[in-house]
Amino acid sequence: NAIRLNFSTPSDEQIVKGIEILGQVLHKF
């Protein structure tokens, strides 16, 4: 993926939630 998210040791759940939120925001636009 071209997009890199830099977190300090994120858990898988946090990553999944972040991706889901980004997906919802992108669908709005």
PDB file of N, CA and C in Angstrom:
ATOM      1  N   ASN A   1       0.845  -1.205   0.000  1.00  0.00           N
ATOM      2  CA  ASN A   1       0.000   0.000   0.000  1.00  0.00           C
ATOM      3  C   ASN A   1       0.876   1.248   0.000  1.00  0.00           C
ATOM      4  N   ALA A   2       0.440   2.265  -0.710  1.00  0.00           N
ATOM      5  CA  ALA A   2       1.219   3.497  -0.788  1.00  0.00           C
ATOM      6  C   ALA A   2       1.063   4.305   0.493  1.00  0.00           C
ATOM      7  N   ILE A   3      -0.039   4.091   1.196  1.00  0.00           N
ATOM      8  CA  ILE A   3      -0.280   4.870   2.417  1.00  0.00           C
ATOM      9  C   ILE A   3       0.351   4.158   3.600  1.00  0.00           C
ATOM     10  N   ARG A   4       1.144   4.866   4.370  1.00  0.00           N
ATOM     11  CA  ARG A   4       1.754   4.280   5.566  1.00  0.00           C
ATOM     12  C   ARG A   4       1.249   5.010   6.799  1.00  0.00           C
ATOM     13  N   LEU A   5       0.768   4.249   7.761  1.00  0.00           N
ATOM     14  CA  LEU A   5       0.311   4.864   9.007  1.00  0.00           C
ATOM     15  C   LEU A   5       1.368   4.603  10.075  1.00  0.00           C
ATOM     16  N   ASN A   6       1.905   5.663  10.632  1.00  0.00           N
ATOM     17  CA  ASN A   6       2.954   5.503  11.645  1.00  0.00           C
ATOM     18  C   ASN A   6       2.357   5.643  13.045  1.00  0.00           C
ATOM     19  N   PHE A   7       2.237   4.508  13.744  1.00  0.00           N
ATOM     20  CA  PHE A   7       1.765   4.552  15.124  1.00  0.00           C
ATOM     21  C   PHE A   7       2.885   4.053  16.017  1.00  0.00           C
ATOM     22  N   SER A   8       2.747   4.244  17.328  1.00  0.00           N
ATOM     23  CA  SER A   8       3.763   3.753  18.273  1.00  0.00           C
ATOM     24  C   SER A   8       3.524   2.298  18.635  1.00  0.00           C
ATOM     25  N   THR A   9       3.319   1.345  18.123  1.00  0.00           N
ATOM     26  CA  THR A   9       2.887  -0.024  18.435  1.00  0.00           C
ATOM     27  C   THR A   9       1.369  -0.147  18.534  1.00  0.00           C
ATOM     28  N   PRO A  10       0.656   0.030  17.471  1.00  0.00           N
ATOM     29  CA  PRO A  10      -0.810  -0.080  17.507  1.00  0.00           C
ATOM     30  C   PRO A  10      -1.236  -1.540  17.515  1.00  0.00           C
ATOM     31  N   SER A  11      -2.348  -1.809  18.166  1.00  0.00           N
ATOM     32  CA  SER A  11      -2.861  -3.177  18.162  1.00  0.00           C
ATOM     33  C   SER A  11      -3.661  -3.408  16.886  1.00  0.00           C
ATOM     34  N   ASP A  12      -3.897  -4.660  16.555  1.00  0.00           N
ATOM     35  CA  ASP A  12      -4.646  -4.965  15.326  1.00  0.00           C
ATOM     36  C   ASP A  12      -6.034  -4.340  15.386  1.00  0.00           C
ATOM     37  N   GLU A  13      -6.649  -4.350  16.570  1.00  0.00           N
ATOM     38  CA  GLU A  13      -8.007  -3.796  16.687  1.00  0.00           C
ATOM     39  C   GLU A  13      -7.995  -2.307  16.370  1.00  0.00           C
ATOM     40  N   GLN A  14      -6.973  -1.597  16.854  1.00  0.00           N
ATOM     41  CA  GLN A  14      -6.896  -0.159  16.585  1.00  0.00           C
ATOM     42  C   GLN A  14      -6.711   0.086  15.097  1.00  0.00           C
ATOM     43  N   ILE A  15      -5.911  -0.750  14.439  1.00  0.00           N
ATOM     44  CA  ILE A  15      -5.680  -0.580  12.998  1.00  0.00           C
ATOM     45  C   ILE A  15      -6.980  -0.814  12.240  1.00  0.00           C
ATOM     46  N   VAL A  16      -7.684  -1.883  12.598  1.00  0.00           N
ATOM     47  CA  VAL A  16      -8.939  -2.206  11.907  1.00  0.00           C
ATOM     48  C   VAL A  16      -9.948  -1.081  12.102  1.00  0.00           C
ATOM     49  N   LYS A  17     -10.060  -0.579  13.331  1.00  0.00           N
ATOM     50  CA  LYS A  17     -11.010   0.504  13.595  1.00  0.00           C
ATOM     51  C   LYS A  17     -10.634   1.739  12.791  1.00  0.00           C
ATOM     52  N   GLY A  18      -9.352   2.039  12.734  1.00  0.00           N
ATOM     53  CA  GLY A  18      -8.898   3.207  11.977  1.00  0.00           C
ATOM     54  C   GLY A  18      -9.230   3.068  10.505  1.00  0.00           C
ATOM     55  N   ILE A  19      -9.021   1.871   9.951  1.00  0.00           N
ATOM     56  CA  ILE A  19      -9.313   1.656   8.530  1.00  0.00           C
ATOM     57  C   ILE A  19     -10.817   1.758   8.288  1.00  0.00           C
ATOM     58  N   GLU A  20     -11.615   1.214   9.200  1.00  0.00           N
ATOM     59  CA  GLU A  20     -13.069   1.274   9.030  1.00  0.00           C
ATOM     60  C   GLU A  20     -13.543   2.721   9.064  1.00  0.00           C
ATOM     61  N   ILE A  21     -12.990   3.524   9.984  1.00  0.00           N
ATOM     62  CA  ILE A  21     -13.373   4.933  10.076  1.00  0.00           C
ATOM     63  C   ILE A  21     -12.975   5.663   8.799  1.00  0.00           C
ATOM     64  N   LEU A  22     -11.758   5.408   8.306  1.00  0.00           N
ATOM     65  CA  LEU A  22     -11.317   6.055   7.063  1.00  0.00           C
ATOM     66  C   LEU A  22     -12.239   5.656   5.919  1.00  0.00           C
ATOM     67  N   GLY A  23     -12.634   4.388   5.872  1.00  0.00           N
ATOM     68  CA  GLY A  23     -13.522   3.919   4.805  1.00  0.00           C
ATOM     69  C   GLY A  23     -14.863   4.634   4.859  1.00  0.00           C
ATOM     70  N   GLN A  24     -15.412   4.797   6.059  1.00  0.00           N
ATOM     71  CA  GLN A  24     -16.703   5.468   6.196  1.00  0.00           C
ATOM     72  C   GLN A  24     -16.589   6.923   5.759  1.00  0.00           C
ATOM     73  N   VAL A  25     -15.502   7.571   6.144  1.00  0.00           N
ATOM     74  CA  VAL A  25     -15.317   8.982   5.777  1.00  0.00           C
ATOM     75  C   VAL A  25     -15.183   9.116   4.261  1.00  0.00           C
ATOM     76  N   LEU A  26     -14.427   8.201   3.645  1.00  0.00           N
ATOM     77  CA  LEU A  26     -14.237   8.277   2.193  1.00  0.00           C
ATOM     78  C   LEU A  26     -15.554   8.034   1.471  1.00  0.00           C
ATOM     79  N   HIS A  27     -16.400   7.150   2.006  1.00  0.00           N
ATOM     80  CA  HIS A  27     -17.679   6.877   1.344  1.00  0.00           C
ATOM     81  C   HIS A  27     -18.584   8.110   1.403  1.00  0.00           C
ATOM     82  N   LYS A  28     -18.439   8.926   2.458  1.00  0.00           N
ATOM     83  CA  LYS A  28     -19.265  10.132   2.561  1.00  0.00           C
ATOM     84  C   LYS A  28     -18.905  11.112   1.453  1.00  0.00           C
ATOM     85  N   PHE A  29     -17.641  11.140   1.057  1.00  0.00           N
ATOM     86  CA  PHE A  29     -17.202  12.037  -0.018  1.00  0.00           C
ATOM     87  C   PHE A  29     -17.046  11.244  -1.301  1.00  0.00           C
TER      88      PHE A  29
END
